[in-house]
Amino acid sequence: TCVHDGSDLTLSWSEVTSDFDGDPLVVDHSEIYAAGMPFGMADVRDGSVPMLVSVPGSPARLTPDPDARQYTVIAVDAKGNASPF
């Protein structure tokens, strides 16, 4: 969910609770990335899309870059494993 109220942007999402095998998973933090045009995970991995903020969970309130129109949230577990989307 995305809510823009004046100069701030609040993003919220459902927490990840299991891995791809269905085993319980605890998310350590979430990373929020943004860009002015659509992007994929390859763009995040190669560094062409900057991370805006790392947060302990949902929701995240931030002041957006005026050029950023596309956002993604990546869940990261305690071992540093990142979600693929």
C-alpha atoms as a PDB file:
ATOM      1  CA  THR A   1       0.000   0.000   0.000  1.00  0.00           C
ATOM      2  CA  CYS A   2       1.221   3.481  -0.799  1.00  0.00           C
ATOM      3  CA  VAL A   3      -0.137   6.672   0.793  1.00  0.00           C
ATOM      4  CA  HIS A   4       1.153  10.132  -0.119  1.00  0.00           C
ATOM      5  CA  ASP A   5       0.231  12.825   2.403  1.00  0.00           C
ATOM      6  CA  GLY A   6       1.815  16.132   1.533  1.00  0.00           C
ATOM      7  CA  SER A   7       5.568  15.714   1.432  1.00  0.00           C
ATOM      8  CA  ASP A   8       5.774  12.227   3.002  1.00  0.00           C
ATOM      9  CA  LEU A   9       5.153   8.817   1.515  1.00  0.00           C
ATOM     10  CA  THR A  10       4.076   5.844   3.619  1.00  0.00           C
ATOM     11  CA  LEU A  11       4.642   2.358   2.193  1.00  0.00           C
ATOM     12  CA  SER A  12       3.197  -0.718   3.896  1.00  0.00           C
ATOM     13  CA  TRP A  13       3.267  -4.400   2.963  1.00  0.00           C
ATOM     14  CA  SER A  14       2.474  -7.845   4.318  1.00  0.00           C
ATOM     15  CA  GLU A  15       5.399  -9.379   6.163  1.00  0.00           C
ATOM     16  CA  VAL A  16       7.100 -12.481   4.766  1.00  0.00           C
ATOM     17  CA  THR A  17       6.615 -15.413   7.154  1.00  0.00           C
ATOM     18  CA  SER A  18       7.889 -18.421   5.181  1.00  0.00           C
ATOM     19  CA  ASP A  19      10.532 -19.284   2.611  1.00  0.00           C
ATOM     20  CA  PHE A  20       9.930 -20.887  -0.798  1.00  0.00           C
ATOM     21  CA  ASP A  21       9.831 -24.349   0.825  1.00  0.00           C
ATOM     22  CA  GLY A  22       7.150 -23.222   3.277  1.00  0.00           C
ATOM     23  CA  ASP A  23       9.531 -23.254   6.249  1.00  0.00           C
ATOM     24  CA  PRO A  24       9.152 -20.470   8.836  1.00  0.00           C
ATOM     25  CA  LEU A  25      11.224 -17.387   8.124  1.00  0.00           C
ATOM     26  CA  VAL A  26      11.998 -14.326  10.202  1.00  0.00           C
ATOM     27  CA  VAL A  27      12.751 -11.149   8.256  1.00  0.00           C
ATOM     28  CA  ASP A  28      15.599  -9.107   9.754  1.00  0.00           C
ATOM     29  CA  HIS A  29      14.858  -5.939   7.766  1.00  0.00           C
ATOM     30  CA  SER A  30      13.383  -4.644   4.537  1.00  0.00           C
ATOM     31  CA  GLU A  31      15.161  -2.544   1.933  1.00  0.00           C
ATOM     32  CA  ILE A  32      13.264  -0.004  -0.154  1.00  0.00           C
ATOM     33  CA  TYR A  33      14.506   0.859  -3.637  1.00  0.00           C
ATOM     34  CA  ALA A  34      13.152   3.522  -6.007  1.00  0.00           C
ATOM     35  CA  ALA A  35      13.703   4.854  -9.516  1.00  0.00           C
ATOM     36  CA  GLY A  36      12.049   7.095 -12.068  1.00  0.00           C
ATOM     37  CA  MET A  37      11.217   4.219 -14.411  1.00  0.00           C
ATOM     38  CA  PRO A  38      10.370   0.510 -14.085  1.00  0.00           C
ATOM     39  CA  PHE A  39      13.255  -1.676 -12.910  1.00  0.00           C
ATOM     40  CA  GLY A  40      13.970  -5.277 -12.029  1.00  0.00           C
ATOM     41  CA  MET A  41      16.073  -7.203  -9.551  1.00  0.00           C
ATOM     42  CA  ALA A  42      19.051  -7.207 -11.935  1.00  0.00           C
ATOM     43  CA  ASP A  43      19.049  -3.397 -11.730  1.00  0.00           C
ATOM     44  CA  VAL A  44      19.051  -3.562  -7.929  1.00  0.00           C
ATOM     45  CA  ARG A  45      21.830  -6.177  -7.847  1.00  0.00           C
ATOM     46  CA  ASP A  46      24.085  -4.238 -10.219  1.00  0.00           C
ATOM     47  CA  GLY A  47      23.623  -1.016  -8.224  1.00  0.00           C
ATOM     48  CA  SER A  48      21.885   1.034 -10.912  1.00  0.00           C
ATOM     49  CA  VAL A  49      18.871   1.544  -8.596  1.00  0.00           C
ATOM     50  CA  PRO A  50      19.705   3.120  -5.224  1.00  0.00           C
ATOM     51  CA  MET A  51      18.416   1.867  -1.892  1.00  0.00           C
ATOM     52  CA  LEU A  52      16.424   4.646  -0.231  1.00  0.00           C
ATOM     53  CA  VAL A  53      16.228   3.166   3.242  1.00  0.00           C
ATOM     54  CA  SER A  54      16.543  -0.014   5.286  1.00  0.00           C
ATOM     55  CA  VAL A  55      13.736  -0.482   7.829  1.00  0.00           C
ATOM     56  CA  PRO A  56      12.964  -3.118  10.476  1.00  0.00           C
ATOM     57  CA  GLY A  57       9.484  -3.750   9.053  1.00  0.00           C
ATOM     58  CA  SER A  58       6.277  -2.315   7.704  1.00  0.00           C
ATOM     59  CA  PRO A  59       5.235   0.453   7.418  1.00  0.00           C
ATOM     60  CA  ALA A  60       7.971   2.801   6.238  1.00  0.00           C
ATOM     61  CA  ARG A  61       7.483   6.557   6.122  1.00  0.00           C
ATOM     62  CA  LEU A  62       9.882   8.502   3.930  1.00  0.00           C
ATOM     63  CA  THR A  63      10.284  11.701   1.974  1.00  0.00           C
ATOM     64  CA  PRO A  64      10.419  10.533  -1.631  1.00  0.00           C
ATOM     65  CA  ASP A  65      12.800  11.699  -4.313  1.00  0.00           C
ATOM     66  CA  PRO A  66      10.620  13.791  -6.674  1.00  0.00           C
ATOM     67  CA  ASP A  67      11.882  11.745  -9.640  1.00  0.00           C
ATOM     68  CA  ALA A  68      11.159   8.331  -8.057  1.00  0.00           C
ATOM     69  CA  ARG A  69       7.902   6.843  -9.294  1.00  0.00           C
ATOM     70  CA  GLN A  70       8.645   3.106  -9.042  1.00  0.00           C
ATOM     71  CA  TYR A  71       9.292   1.419  -5.689  1.00  0.00           C
ATOM     72  CA  THR A  72      10.083  -2.094  -4.517  1.00  0.00           C
ATOM     73  CA  VAL A  73      10.564  -3.613  -1.076  1.00  0.00           C
ATOM     74  CA  ILE A  74      13.031  -6.468  -0.598  1.00  0.00           C
ATOM     75  CA  ALA A  75      12.870  -8.639   2.526  1.00  0.00           C
ATOM     76  CA  VAL A  76      16.240  -9.677   4.011  1.00  0.00           C
ATOM     77  CA  ASP A  77      16.670 -12.429   6.617  1.00  0.00           C
ATOM     78  CA  ALA A  78      19.287 -12.566   9.395  1.00  0.00           C
ATOM     79  CA  LYS A  79      21.723 -14.436   7.113  1.00  0.00           C
ATOM     80  CA  GLY A  80      21.539 -11.696   4.463  1.00  0.00           C
ATOM     81  CA  ASN A  81      19.378 -13.686   2.044  1.00  0.00           C
ATOM     82  CA  ALA A  82      17.242 -11.270   0.020  1.00  0.00           C
ATOM     83  CA  SER A  83      13.861 -11.948  -1.514  1.00  0.00           C
ATOM     84  CA  PRO A  84      13.995 -12.262  -5.304  1.00  0.00           C
ATOM     85  CA  PHE A  85      11.441  -9.514  -5.997  1.00  0.00           C
END
